[in-house]
Every structure is written in C-alpha cells, then in structure tokens.
N, C-alpha and C. Protein backbone atom coordinates (compact mmCIF):
# COMPACT_ATOMS: atom_id res chain seq x y z
N MET A 1 8.41 -19.67 29.50
CA MET A 1 8.38 -18.51 29.90
C MET A 1 8.91 -17.95 28.99
N ALA A 2 7.87 -17.51 28.35
CA ALA A 2 8.03 -16.65 26.93
C ALA A 2 8.55 -15.23 27.28
N LEU A 3 9.94 -15.11 26.52
CA LEU A 3 10.51 -13.15 27.27
C LEU A 3 10.35 -12.66 25.57
N GLN A 4 9.75 -11.45 26.03
CA GLN A 4 9.25 -10.87 24.72
C GLN A 4 10.86 -9.38 23.89
N GLN A 5 11.38 -9.09 23.76
CA GLN A 5 11.75 -8.17 23.26
C GLN A 5 11.39 -7.00 21.97
N LYS A 6 11.14 -6.06 22.36
CA LYS A 6 10.46 -5.09 21.61
C LYS A 6 11.63 -3.91 21.14
N LYS A 7 11.73 -3.71 20.08
CA LYS A 7 12.29 -2.95 19.25
C LYS A 7 11.26 -1.86 18.40
N VAL A 8 11.23 -0.64 18.61
CA VAL A 8 10.60 0.19 17.83
C VAL A 8 10.91 1.57 17.20
N ASN A 9 10.78 0.71 15.53
CA ASN A 9 11.33 1.93 14.55
C ASN A 9 10.26 2.56 14.24
N TYR A 10 10.63 3.49 13.02
CA TYR A 10 9.59 4.51 12.84
C TYR A 10 7.92 4.06 12.43
N HIS A 11 7.18 3.66 13.29
CA HIS A 11 6.16 3.61 12.51
C HIS A 11 5.96 2.24 12.71
N GLU A 12 6.99 1.54 13.14
CA GLU A 12 6.58 -0.33 13.41
C GLU A 12 7.43 -0.51 14.55
N VAL A 13 6.45 -1.87 15.01
CA VAL A 13 7.47 -2.06 16.68
C VAL A 13 7.44 -3.68 15.98
N CYS A 14 8.66 -3.80 15.75
CA CYS A 14 8.77 -5.73 15.93
C CYS A 14 8.71 -6.27 17.32
N VAL A 15 8.50 -7.13 17.14
CA VAL A 15 8.15 -8.31 18.93
C VAL A 15 9.61 -9.26 18.15
N LYS A 16 10.09 -9.70 19.03
CA LYS A 16 10.62 -10.65 18.70
C LYS A 16 10.35 -11.87 20.43
N ILE A 17 9.95 -13.42 20.29
CA ILE A 17 9.19 -13.62 21.23
C ILE A 17 9.93 -14.97 21.54
N TYR A 18 10.31 -15.56 22.42
CA TYR A 18 11.60 -16.77 22.79
C TYR A 18 10.82 -17.17 23.83
N SER A 19 10.24 -18.40 23.26
CA SER A 19 9.66 -19.24 24.16
C SER A 19 9.49 -20.64 23.57
N VAL A 20 9.47 -21.69 25.42
CA VAL A 20 9.40 -23.05 24.50
C VAL A 20 8.36 -23.97 23.90
N LYS A 21 7.25 -23.12 23.21
CA LYS A 21 6.13 -23.56 22.70
C LYS A 21 5.95 -22.75 21.77
N LYS A 22 5.81 -23.21 20.57
CA LYS A 22 5.54 -23.63 19.23
C LYS A 22 4.62 -22.21 18.92
N GLY A 23 5.21 -21.29 17.84
CA GLY A 23 4.25 -20.42 18.09
C GLY A 23 2.69 -20.53 17.36
N ALA A 24 3.09 -21.99 16.61
CA ALA A 24 1.36 -22.00 16.73
C ALA A 24 0.95 -22.92 17.05
N LYS A 25 0.85 -23.37 18.10
CA LYS A 25 0.41 -23.91 19.47
C LYS A 25 -0.34 -22.56 20.50
N ARG A 26 0.96 -21.82 20.99
CA ARG A 26 0.68 -20.34 21.27
C ARG A 26 -0.31 -19.81 20.71
N ALA A 27 -0.60 -19.76 19.24
CA ALA A 27 -1.34 -19.40 18.70
C ALA A 27 -2.33 -19.83 18.44
N VAL A 28 -3.10 -21.33 18.90
CA VAL A 28 -4.49 -21.84 19.58
C VAL A 28 -4.61 -21.87 20.48
N ASP A 29 -3.48 -22.00 21.54
CA ASP A 29 -4.08 -21.20 22.91
C ASP A 29 -4.96 -20.37 23.35
N LEU A 30 -4.41 -19.35 22.62
CA LEU A 30 -4.62 -17.53 22.19
C LEU A 30 -6.58 -17.75 21.57
N LEU A 31 -6.24 -18.80 21.13
CA LEU A 31 -7.69 -18.44 20.39
C LEU A 31 -8.58 -19.41 21.37
N VAL A 32 -8.16 -21.14 21.73
CA VAL A 32 -9.48 -21.00 22.74
C VAL A 32 -10.08 -20.42 23.99
N LYS A 33 -8.64 -19.61 24.09
CA LYS A 33 -9.00 -18.89 25.88
C LYS A 33 -10.31 -17.69 25.01
N LYS A 34 -10.09 -17.36 23.77
CA LYS A 34 -10.63 -16.00 23.14
C LYS A 34 -12.39 -16.56 23.22
N LEU A 35 -12.40 -17.89 22.48
CA LEU A 35 -13.53 -18.99 22.49
C LEU A 35 -14.09 -19.06 23.51
N LYS A 36 -13.63 -19.56 24.38
CA LYS A 36 -14.48 -19.92 25.62
C LYS A 36 -14.61 -18.64 26.71
N GLY A 37 -13.59 -17.33 26.15
CA GLY A 37 -14.62 -15.67 27.07
C GLY A 37 -13.81 -16.08 27.54
N GLU A 38 -12.59 -16.43 28.12
CA GLU A 38 -11.37 -16.26 29.25
C GLU A 38 -10.17 -15.26 29.08
N VAL A 39 -10.04 -15.53 30.36
CA VAL A 39 -8.91 -13.16 29.78
C VAL A 39 -7.66 -14.10 28.60
N PHE A 40 -7.15 -13.37 28.48
CA PHE A 40 -6.07 -13.66 27.00
C PHE A 40 -5.20 -13.01 27.27
N GLU A 41 -4.50 -13.15 26.21
CA GLU A 41 -3.34 -11.70 26.12
C GLU A 41 -2.04 -11.28 25.52
N THR A 42 -2.53 -10.85 24.16
CA THR A 42 -1.88 -10.98 22.63
C THR A 42 -0.55 -11.19 22.92
N GLU A 43 -0.14 -11.30 21.86
CA GLU A 43 1.82 -10.74 22.09
C GLU A 43 1.74 -9.70 21.32
N TYR A 44 1.11 -9.30 20.21
CA TYR A 44 1.17 -7.71 19.01
C TYR A 44 -0.13 -7.51 19.70
N GLU A 45 -0.36 -6.28 19.79
CA GLU A 45 -1.28 -5.63 19.96
C GLU A 45 -1.32 -5.28 18.52
N ILE A 46 -2.62 -4.85 17.76
CA ILE A 46 -3.01 -4.17 16.22
C ILE A 46 -2.19 -2.84 16.71
N PRO A 47 -1.45 -2.28 15.85
CA PRO A 47 -2.00 -0.97 16.03
C PRO A 47 -3.21 0.00 15.64
N VAL A 48 -3.10 1.00 16.18
CA VAL A 48 -4.82 2.27 15.67
C VAL A 48 -3.86 3.07 14.80
N PHE A 49 -4.41 3.65 13.53
CA PHE A 49 -4.14 4.50 13.01
C PHE A 49 -5.47 5.70 13.37
N ASP A 50 -4.59 7.13 13.55
CA ASP A 50 -5.13 8.30 13.22
C ASP A 50 -6.05 8.02 12.05
N ARG A 51 -7.28 9.15 12.04
CA ARG A 51 -7.84 9.96 10.92
C ARG A 51 -7.67 11.15 10.89
N VAL A 52 -7.33 11.40 10.20
CA VAL A 52 -7.84 12.43 9.35
C VAL A 52 -8.51 13.67 8.13
N ASP A 53 -9.30 14.40 9.09
CA ASP A 53 -10.19 15.20 8.34
C ASP A 53 -9.48 15.51 6.90
N PRO A 54 -10.71 14.99 6.19
CA PRO A 54 -11.06 15.74 4.42
C PRO A 54 -10.29 16.63 4.24
N ALA A 55 -9.56 16.67 3.14
CA ALA A 55 -8.85 17.77 2.62
C ALA A 55 -10.26 18.74 1.46
N PRO A 56 -10.28 19.82 1.70
CA PRO A 56 -11.62 20.40 1.10
C PRO A 56 -10.88 20.34 -0.53
N PRO A 57 -11.94 19.67 -1.15
CA PRO A 57 -12.12 19.38 -3.57
C PRO A 57 -11.20 20.08 -3.46
N ILE A 58 -10.10 19.48 -4.61
CA ILE A 58 -9.44 21.01 -5.16
C ILE A 58 -10.49 21.32 -5.90
N LYS A 59 -10.71 23.00 -5.72
CA LYS A 59 -11.23 23.88 -7.40
C LYS A 59 -10.97 24.21 -8.80
N ASP A 60 -9.33 24.14 -9.06
CA ASP A 60 -8.21 23.83 -9.87
C ASP A 60 -7.78 22.93 -9.79
N ILE A 61 -8.60 22.12 -10.53
CA ILE A 61 -6.67 20.58 -11.33
C ILE A 61 -6.20 20.31 -11.92
N THR A 62 -6.31 21.84 -13.20
CA THR A 62 -4.66 22.84 -13.32
C THR A 62 -3.65 22.82 -12.94
N LYS A 63 -4.33 23.22 -11.60
CA LYS A 63 -3.28 24.02 -10.90
C LYS A 63 -2.12 23.34 -9.25
N ALA A 64 -3.51 21.84 -9.63
CA ALA A 64 -2.13 21.03 -8.97
C ALA A 64 -1.64 19.88 -8.51
N LYS A 65 -0.68 20.50 -7.50
CA LYS A 65 0.43 19.50 -7.82
C LYS A 65 0.11 18.16 -7.15
N ILE A 66 -0.09 16.92 -7.99
CA ILE A 66 0.02 15.55 -6.95
C ILE A 66 0.94 14.54 -7.22
N ALA A 67 0.73 14.10 -6.00
CA ALA A 67 1.50 12.86 -5.50
C ALA A 67 1.25 11.54 -6.23
N ILE A 68 1.29 10.80 -6.18
CA ILE A 68 1.41 9.44 -6.72
C ILE A 68 1.86 8.60 -5.06
N VAL A 69 1.52 7.79 -4.87
CA VAL A 69 1.63 7.65 -3.59
C VAL A 69 1.61 5.97 -3.90
N SER A 70 2.52 5.81 -3.58
CA SER A 70 3.11 3.20 -3.88
C SER A 70 2.86 1.93 -2.64
N SER A 71 2.85 1.21 -2.82
CA SER A 71 3.37 0.80 -1.47
C SER A 71 3.88 -0.47 -2.40
N GLY A 72 4.05 -0.04 -4.03
CA GLY A 72 4.89 -1.74 -4.65
C GLY A 72 6.15 -1.48 -5.04
N GLY A 73 6.56 -0.04 -4.50
CA GLY A 73 7.74 -0.31 -4.37
C GLY A 73 8.54 0.12 -5.51
N PRO A 74 7.94 0.53 -6.03
CA PRO A 74 8.58 1.76 -8.34
C PRO A 74 9.64 2.33 -7.31
N VAL A 75 10.61 2.43 -8.17
CA VAL A 75 12.00 2.92 -8.35
C VAL A 75 12.60 3.06 -9.40
N PRO A 76 13.06 3.98 -9.63
CA PRO A 76 13.77 4.17 -11.29
C PRO A 76 14.86 3.44 -11.37
N LYS A 77 15.00 2.78 -12.13
CA LYS A 77 15.97 2.05 -12.41
C LYS A 77 17.60 1.60 -12.36
N GLY A 78 17.67 0.23 -11.70
CA GLY A 78 19.05 0.41 -10.77
C GLY A 78 19.08 0.73 -9.37
N ASN A 79 17.98 1.10 -8.66
CA ASN A 79 17.48 1.88 -7.33
C ASN A 79 18.17 2.55 -7.14
N PRO A 80 18.78 3.89 -7.69
CA PRO A 80 19.66 4.69 -6.91
C PRO A 80 20.00 4.37 -5.75
N ASP A 81 19.16 4.77 -4.48
CA ASP A 81 18.23 4.99 -3.09
C ASP A 81 19.02 3.30 -2.64
N ARG A 82 19.31 2.76 -3.30
CA ARG A 82 19.41 1.53 -2.74
C ARG A 82 17.83 1.06 -1.50
N ILE A 83 16.91 1.41 -2.25
CA ILE A 83 15.61 0.98 -1.72
C ILE A 83 15.74 -0.18 -0.97
N GLU A 84 16.27 -0.97 0.06
CA GLU A 84 15.25 -2.22 0.52
C GLU A 84 14.56 -2.66 -0.52
N ALA A 85 14.11 -4.40 -0.35
CA ALA A 85 12.90 -4.67 -0.80
C ALA A 85 12.08 -5.15 0.14
N SER A 86 13.20 -5.47 1.66
CA SER A 86 12.30 -6.60 3.19
C SER A 86 12.57 -4.67 3.06
N SER A 87 11.42 -4.96 4.35
CA SER A 87 11.45 -3.88 5.63
C SER A 87 12.31 -3.09 6.36
N ALA A 88 11.90 -2.27 4.35
CA ALA A 88 12.58 -1.22 3.67
C ALA A 88 12.88 0.19 5.44
N SER A 89 14.40 0.42 5.32
CA SER A 89 14.70 1.85 6.04
C SER A 89 14.14 2.67 5.72
N LYS A 90 13.95 3.14 4.96
CA LYS A 90 13.95 4.40 3.84
C LYS A 90 12.68 4.27 2.80
N TYR A 91 12.33 5.62 2.32
CA TYR A 91 11.79 5.56 1.10
C TYR A 91 11.91 6.24 0.41
N GLY A 92 11.39 6.57 -0.86
CA GLY A 92 12.04 7.50 -2.15
C GLY A 92 10.77 8.22 -2.95
N LYS A 93 11.63 9.89 -2.93
CA LYS A 93 11.10 10.36 -3.63
C LYS A 93 11.45 10.81 -5.06
N TYR A 94 10.83 10.51 -5.84
CA TYR A 94 11.36 10.75 -7.81
C TYR A 94 10.28 11.41 -8.25
N SER A 95 10.69 12.37 -9.27
CA SER A 95 9.80 13.16 -10.08
C SER A 95 9.77 11.68 -11.70
N ILE A 96 8.34 11.92 -11.79
CA ILE A 96 8.27 11.88 -12.84
C ILE A 96 7.80 12.37 -14.27
N GLU A 97 7.73 13.68 -14.02
CA GLU A 97 7.09 15.27 -15.03
C GLU A 97 8.91 14.39 -16.44
N GLY A 98 7.98 14.38 -17.54
CA GLY A 98 8.96 14.00 -18.57
C GLY A 98 8.45 12.07 -18.97
N ILE A 99 8.32 11.54 -17.92
CA ILE A 99 7.94 10.30 -18.83
C ILE A 99 6.31 10.10 -18.93
N ASP A 100 6.68 9.46 -19.79
CA ASP A 100 4.74 9.31 -20.18
C ASP A 100 4.68 8.00 -19.88
N ASP A 101 5.77 6.35 -20.29
CA ASP A 101 5.45 5.01 -19.82
C ASP A 101 6.52 4.53 -18.36
N LEU A 102 5.97 4.32 -17.84
CA LEU A 102 7.05 3.31 -16.93
C LEU A 102 7.25 2.09 -16.56
N ASN A 103 7.85 1.86 -17.16
CA ASN A 103 8.32 0.41 -18.42
C ASN A 103 9.36 0.35 -17.54
N PRO A 104 10.15 -0.75 -17.99
CA PRO A 104 11.96 -1.45 -17.46
C PRO A 104 12.94 -0.66 -18.15
N SER A 105 12.40 0.20 -18.96
CA SER A 105 13.57 1.15 -19.29
C SER A 105 14.09 2.12 -17.92
N ASN A 106 13.30 2.77 -18.12
CA ASN A 106 13.25 3.74 -17.03
C ASN A 106 12.70 3.24 -15.48
N GLY A 107 12.29 2.13 -14.83
CA GLY A 107 11.97 1.66 -13.94
C GLY A 107 12.47 -0.09 -13.31
N GLU A 108 11.79 -0.16 -12.10
CA GLU A 108 11.93 -0.66 -11.43
C GLU A 108 10.97 -1.32 -10.19
N THR A 109 10.92 -3.06 -9.58
CA THR A 109 10.33 -2.02 -8.40
C THR A 109 10.57 -2.86 -7.55
N ALA A 110 11.20 -2.06 -6.20
CA ALA A 110 11.83 -2.97 -4.86
C ALA A 110 11.29 -3.40 -3.99
N HIS A 111 10.62 -4.41 -4.30
CA HIS A 111 9.58 -5.09 -3.10
C HIS A 111 9.24 -6.34 -3.33
N GLY A 112 10.23 -7.21 -1.79
CA GLY A 112 9.98 -8.66 -1.95
C GLY A 112 8.60 -9.67 -1.40
N GLY A 113 7.53 -8.77 -1.14
CA GLY A 113 6.61 -9.11 -0.77
C GLY A 113 5.52 -9.84 -2.27
N PHE A 114 5.40 -9.60 -3.86
CA PHE A 114 4.97 -10.23 -5.03
C PHE A 114 6.48 -10.40 -5.50
N ASP A 115 5.86 -11.65 -6.41
CA ASP A 115 6.49 -11.67 -7.71
C ASP A 115 6.94 -10.81 -8.36
N PRO A 116 7.83 -9.67 -8.73
CA PRO A 116 7.57 -8.68 -9.35
C PRO A 116 7.63 -8.82 -10.96
N VAL A 117 8.08 -9.74 -11.70
CA VAL A 117 7.57 -9.94 -13.35
C VAL A 117 6.91 -8.92 -13.73
N TYR A 118 5.51 -9.56 -13.58
CA TYR A 118 4.70 -8.05 -13.68
C TYR A 118 4.81 -6.44 -13.21
N ALA A 119 4.78 -6.32 -12.38
CA ALA A 119 5.42 -4.80 -12.27
C ALA A 119 6.61 -4.34 -12.88
N ASN A 120 7.66 -4.94 -12.71
CA ASN A 120 8.40 -5.16 -14.25
C ASN A 120 8.33 -4.41 -15.05
N ASP A 121 7.61 -5.22 -14.86
CA ASP A 121 7.19 -5.23 -17.51
C ASP A 121 6.58 -4.05 -17.29
N GLY A 122 5.41 -3.43 -16.29
CA GLY A 122 5.03 -1.96 -16.33
C GLY A 122 4.60 -1.22 -15.01
N LEU A 123 5.98 -0.79 -14.38
CA LEU A 123 5.05 -0.78 -12.94
C LEU A 123 3.85 1.05 -12.71
N ASP A 124 3.66 0.82 -13.97
CA ASP A 124 1.92 1.75 -13.89
C ASP A 124 0.77 1.10 -12.82
N ARG A 125 1.37 -0.46 -13.05
CA ARG A 125 0.79 -1.25 -12.24
C ARG A 125 0.88 -1.14 -10.57
N VAL A 126 1.30 -1.01 -10.03
CA VAL A 126 1.63 -1.13 -8.74
C VAL A 126 1.19 0.19 -7.76
N ILE A 127 -0.04 0.64 -7.42
CA ILE A 127 -0.34 1.90 -7.18
C ILE A 127 -1.24 1.02 -5.57
N PRO A 128 -1.19 1.42 -4.54
CA PRO A 128 -2.38 0.90 -3.32
C PRO A 128 -3.87 1.43 -2.86
N VAL A 129 -4.70 0.24 -2.83
CA VAL A 129 -5.62 -0.49 -3.22
C VAL A 129 -6.05 -0.36 -2.22
N VAL A 130 -7.33 -0.20 -2.24
CA VAL A 130 -8.85 0.08 -1.31
C VAL A 130 -8.74 -0.38 0.25
N PRO A 131 -8.25 -1.61 0.09
CA PRO A 131 -8.34 -1.87 2.08
C PRO A 131 -7.27 -1.47 2.27
N ILE A 132 -6.22 -1.24 1.56
CA ILE A 132 -5.22 -0.59 2.29
C ILE A 132 -5.53 0.21 2.25
N SER A 133 -5.78 1.06 2.05
CA SER A 133 -6.08 2.67 2.25
C SER A 133 -7.49 2.63 3.33
N MET A 134 -8.11 1.52 3.09
CA MET A 134 -9.77 2.00 4.47
C MET A 134 -8.96 1.99 5.71
N THR A 135 -7.71 0.38 5.74
CA THR A 135 -7.23 0.47 6.95
C THR A 135 -6.32 1.63 7.06
N VAL A 136 -5.74 2.41 6.43
CA VAL A 136 -4.72 3.79 7.17
C VAL A 136 -5.84 5.22 7.10
N GLY A 137 -6.88 5.54 7.08
CA GLY A 137 -7.14 6.51 6.81
C GLY A 137 -8.17 6.77 6.17
N ALA A 138 -7.49 6.58 4.52
CA ALA A 138 -7.25 7.32 3.16
C ALA A 138 -8.59 8.24 2.91
N ASN A 139 -8.85 9.63 2.54
CA ASN A 139 -10.80 9.69 2.61
C ASN A 139 -11.07 9.97 1.52
N ARG A 140 -10.25 10.04 0.84
CA ARG A 140 -10.49 9.93 -1.09
C ARG A 140 -10.37 8.36 -1.33
N ILE A 141 -11.39 7.25 -1.75
CA ILE A 141 -10.29 6.53 -2.10
C ILE A 141 -11.34 5.51 -4.12
N VAL A 142 -9.82 5.45 -4.30
CA VAL A 142 -10.91 4.76 -5.83
C VAL A 142 -10.09 3.63 -5.62
N SER A 143 -11.14 3.40 -5.74
CA SER A 143 -11.56 1.31 -6.28
C SER A 143 -10.57 1.07 -7.80
N THR A 144 -9.69 0.00 -7.22
CA THR A 144 -8.82 0.11 -8.39
C THR A 144 -9.54 -1.47 -8.67
N VAL A 145 -7.97 -1.75 -9.90
CA VAL A 145 -8.37 -3.41 -10.68
C VAL A 145 -8.06 -5.18 -9.19
N ALA A 146 -7.12 -5.35 -8.47
CA ALA A 146 -7.15 -6.32 -7.56
C ALA A 146 -5.56 -6.21 -7.25
N ILE A 147 -5.08 -7.22 -5.52
CA ILE A 147 -3.08 -7.26 -5.62
C ILE A 147 -2.74 -8.24 -6.69
N PRO A 148 -1.70 -8.17 -6.62
CA PRO A 148 -0.70 -6.80 -6.18
C PRO A 148 -0.82 -6.06 -7.81
N TYR A 149 -1.32 -5.92 -8.43
CA TYR A 149 -0.97 -5.32 -9.78
C TYR A 149 -2.82 -4.41 -9.79
N PRO A 150 -3.34 -3.73 -8.52
CA PRO A 150 -4.32 -2.39 -8.35
C PRO A 150 -4.92 -1.54 -10.09
N LEU A 151 -3.26 -0.89 -10.67
CA LEU A 151 -3.70 -0.75 -11.76
C LEU A 151 -3.10 -0.41 -12.59
N GLY A 152 -3.28 -2.30 -12.93
CA GLY A 152 -2.84 -2.70 -14.43
C GLY A 152 -3.73 -4.44 -14.45
N ASN A 153 -3.28 -4.59 -15.23
CA ASN A 153 -3.77 -6.42 -15.69
C ASN A 153 -3.29 -6.93 -16.32
N PRO A 154 -1.97 -7.76 -16.39
CA PRO A 154 -1.56 -8.48 -17.07
C PRO A 154 -2.36 -9.03 -18.57
N ALA A 155 -3.56 -9.90 -17.90
CA ALA A 155 -4.46 -10.56 -19.04
C ALA A 155 -4.44 -9.40 -20.14
N LEU A 156 -4.62 -8.39 -19.99
CA LEU A 156 -4.95 -7.23 -21.10
C LEU A 156 -4.22 -7.40 -22.32
N GLY A 157 -4.55 -6.91 -23.40
CA GLY A 157 -3.87 -6.53 -24.33
C GLY A 157 -3.02 -4.89 -23.89
N GLU A 158 -2.42 -4.79 -24.64
CA GLU A 158 -1.44 -3.47 -24.10
C GLU A 158 -2.42 -1.97 -24.16
N LYS A 159 -2.67 -2.39 -25.43
CA LYS A 159 -3.93 -1.05 -26.18
C LYS A 159 -4.83 -1.05 -24.39
N GLU A 160 -5.53 -2.59 -24.14
CA GLU A 160 -6.48 -2.34 -22.99
C GLU A 160 -6.39 -1.99 -21.72
N GLU A 161 -5.40 -1.84 -21.65
CA GLU A 161 -4.58 -2.20 -20.57
C GLU A 161 -4.31 -0.58 -19.74
N LYS A 162 -3.90 0.20 -21.11
CA LYS A 162 -3.92 2.02 -21.11
C LYS A 162 -4.78 2.10 -20.95
N GLU A 163 -6.11 1.27 -21.59
CA GLU A 163 -7.39 2.00 -21.46
C GLU A 163 -7.57 1.93 -20.13
N LEU A 164 -8.10 1.48 -19.49
CA LEU A 164 -7.60 0.65 -18.15
C LEU A 164 -7.34 1.88 -17.31
N ARG A 165 -6.30 1.47 -17.54
CA ARG A 165 -5.39 3.43 -16.51
C ARG A 165 -6.14 4.58 -16.05
N ARG A 166 -6.26 4.74 -17.20
CA ARG A 166 -6.20 6.77 -18.02
C ARG A 166 -8.06 6.58 -17.11
N LYS A 167 -9.00 5.40 -17.55
CA LYS A 167 -10.46 6.00 -16.33
C LYS A 167 -9.75 5.33 -15.20
N LEU A 168 -8.91 4.51 -14.35
CA LEU A 168 -9.01 5.06 -13.33
C LEU A 168 -7.61 6.86 -12.73
N VAL A 169 -7.50 6.72 -13.96
CA VAL A 169 -6.68 8.64 -13.39
C VAL A 169 -7.93 9.12 -13.42
N ARG A 170 -8.76 9.37 -14.20
CA ARG A 170 -9.84 10.15 -14.43
C ARG A 170 -10.87 10.21 -13.46
N GLU A 171 -11.22 8.89 -12.48
CA GLU A 171 -11.72 8.60 -11.31
C GLU A 171 -10.90 9.42 -10.56
N ALA A 172 -9.41 9.31 -10.31
CA ALA A 172 -9.00 9.68 -9.19
C ALA A 172 -8.79 11.39 -9.38
N LEU A 173 -9.25 11.73 -10.61
CA LEU A 173 -9.09 13.17 -10.31
C LEU A 173 -10.45 14.03 -10.15
N LYS A 174 -11.32 13.14 -10.51
CA LYS A 174 -12.98 13.08 -10.10
C LYS A 174 -12.34 13.47 -8.67
N ALA A 175 -12.41 12.17 -8.10
CA ALA A 175 -12.31 12.58 -6.31
C ALA A 175 -11.86 13.65 -5.69
N LEU A 176 -10.32 14.01 -6.27
CA LEU A 176 -9.32 14.93 -5.84
C LEU A 176 -10.69 16.24 -5.88
N GLN A 177 -11.56 16.66 -6.41
CA GLN A 177 -12.33 17.56 -6.81
C GLN A 177 -13.83 17.12 -6.34
N THR A 178 -14.14 16.39 -5.72
CA THR A 178 -15.26 15.98 -4.31
C THR A 178 -15.53 16.13 -3.63
N GLU A 179 -16.36 17.27 -2.75
CA GLU A 179 -16.17 17.33 -1.71
C GLU A 179 -16.48 15.94 -1.19
N VAL A 180 -16.27 16.12 0.18
CA VAL A 180 -16.23 14.65 1.14
C VAL A 180 -16.12 15.30 2.99
N THR A 181 -16.82 14.10 3.40
CA THR A 181 -16.69 14.44 4.85
C THR A 181 -16.40 13.31 5.68
N GLU A 182 -16.02 12.13 4.40
CA GLU A 182 -15.73 10.81 5.42
C GLU A 182 -15.20 10.39 4.11
N GLN A 183 -14.79 8.97 5.28
CA GLN A 183 -13.93 8.02 3.90
C GLN A 183 -15.04 7.96 2.89
N THR A 184 -14.72 8.15 1.56
CA THR A 184 -15.41 7.92 0.66
C THR A 184 -14.85 6.50 0.31
N VAL A 185 -15.27 5.62 -0.84
CA VAL A 185 -15.09 4.57 -2.06
C VAL A 185 -15.55 5.84 -3.40
N PHE A 186 -14.19 5.64 -4.43
CA PHE A 186 -15.29 5.92 -5.99
C PHE A 186 -15.04 4.85 -6.75
N GLU A 187 -16.71 4.43 -6.68
CA GLU A 187 -16.39 3.54 -8.04
C GLU A 187 -17.03 4.08 -9.36
N ASP A 188 -17.42 3.40 -10.14
CA ASP A 188 -17.33 3.87 -11.81
C ASP A 188 -18.89 3.06 -11.23
C-alpha cells in the first residue's frame, strides 16, 4: 500500500509516495484502467489556475512602468540573493535601469532546468514563452522564439539577434496598448 505524504508550499504541492510498486508500474496500471474506462485515482492532481480579466490597454505607453517577468532565472552577476537553481524558495526583483545589454558582466542565470551556457552568454534570451503563458492564464501573449531561449537565437549573429529582440519588444509594447477581452496571442 502506498503512503502519501503531502507538503504544501507557496503555489506548490510536493508529494512523496512510498510504494512497493515502482513508479513506472503504477503509471502503466493507471493508464490501463483509464483506457478500459475503469475507475482510477491519480497520485497527483493537476493544479487549476485562476483566470484573470484582462487589464485595459495602456493609453500612453511613454508613461507606463513595464515589468519583465522571466522563468529563465536571470539574476545579477554573482546571484546576490542566492536564489536556488532548482526548487527555488524565493524570487528576485531587480531594476535594469541603466543597463543597455544583459550580458555576462552584469548577470547570469540561476536555473537548473536547462544548460545555462547560452543564457549566461546573453540573458536577453530568457523570457517566458507562449505555452507557459497560456497555461497560467496570461491575457496578452507575444509569441517568441523557442524553449529555452525564447527571446534569442544563439545561431544568429549578434546584430541579427538584437534585431530579433527589438522586433519582439515592439510587438509586446503593441500588445500592451491593444484592447483584449480574452487570452490573445500576438504574432507578426
């Protein structure tokens, strides 16, 4: 018999399951029951995210305060807040005033879910992507490049990559000024 121990953290549920059956066997058994239409019980319920009504468009973008939110783990050089690269217990809030380029001299990534080489080479590359934004209920979504470097492309030259970023930022500013009533993906 499996013993389930649940520990609830901020926005996260950690589940430890002790069982004589291996996880792969339990997963296959559950799938077979589901396919046969039999009653089954999952070991971990998928979380349900609240939906938020879209904010009105920004009338004067020149007076707006813009936040850049990233799941890519960008932090100032040296990670002064010691944010963990895996299962982080906190988040950081940093000003980029006066920074024209996020690069290895002023920042790095604290992220254990991908190879950080290209992110550390140009932190401009790590900004949330469309599938994640759709899942958590974002209302204005700008389609970017790819995981794990949605706002960059290490295969491009420096000039081409910066132009790609400028294009995506222009699209994001346009999205902020557009009236929406539901989740809207802005694409060129």
